[in-house]
Amino acid sequence: MSAIVYESVLTCPHCGFARKEVMPADACQFYYECRNCQALLRPAPGDCCVFCSFGSIKCPPMQAQQGCCE
């Protein structure tokens, strides 16, 4: 099994601004405010968190294939 990565680059779908963020190890992050345009990001339908929708790497629970928020 690969090591779990706790940093992901979130990219705003509205303005394209990207920023490296630290993901919570054992929880979903449902909201994220873009630091550039202040858009409030929410997960896409079927995704558990903003990192799974807009991040360069899925959240730690999904990386571990445990599912998220179950």
Foldseek 3Di string as FASTA:
>chain_A
DDDFDQWWWFADPPPRDIDIDGADQAAAAQWDQDPPPRDIDGADPPARHSCCRGIPDHHNCVVVVVDHPD
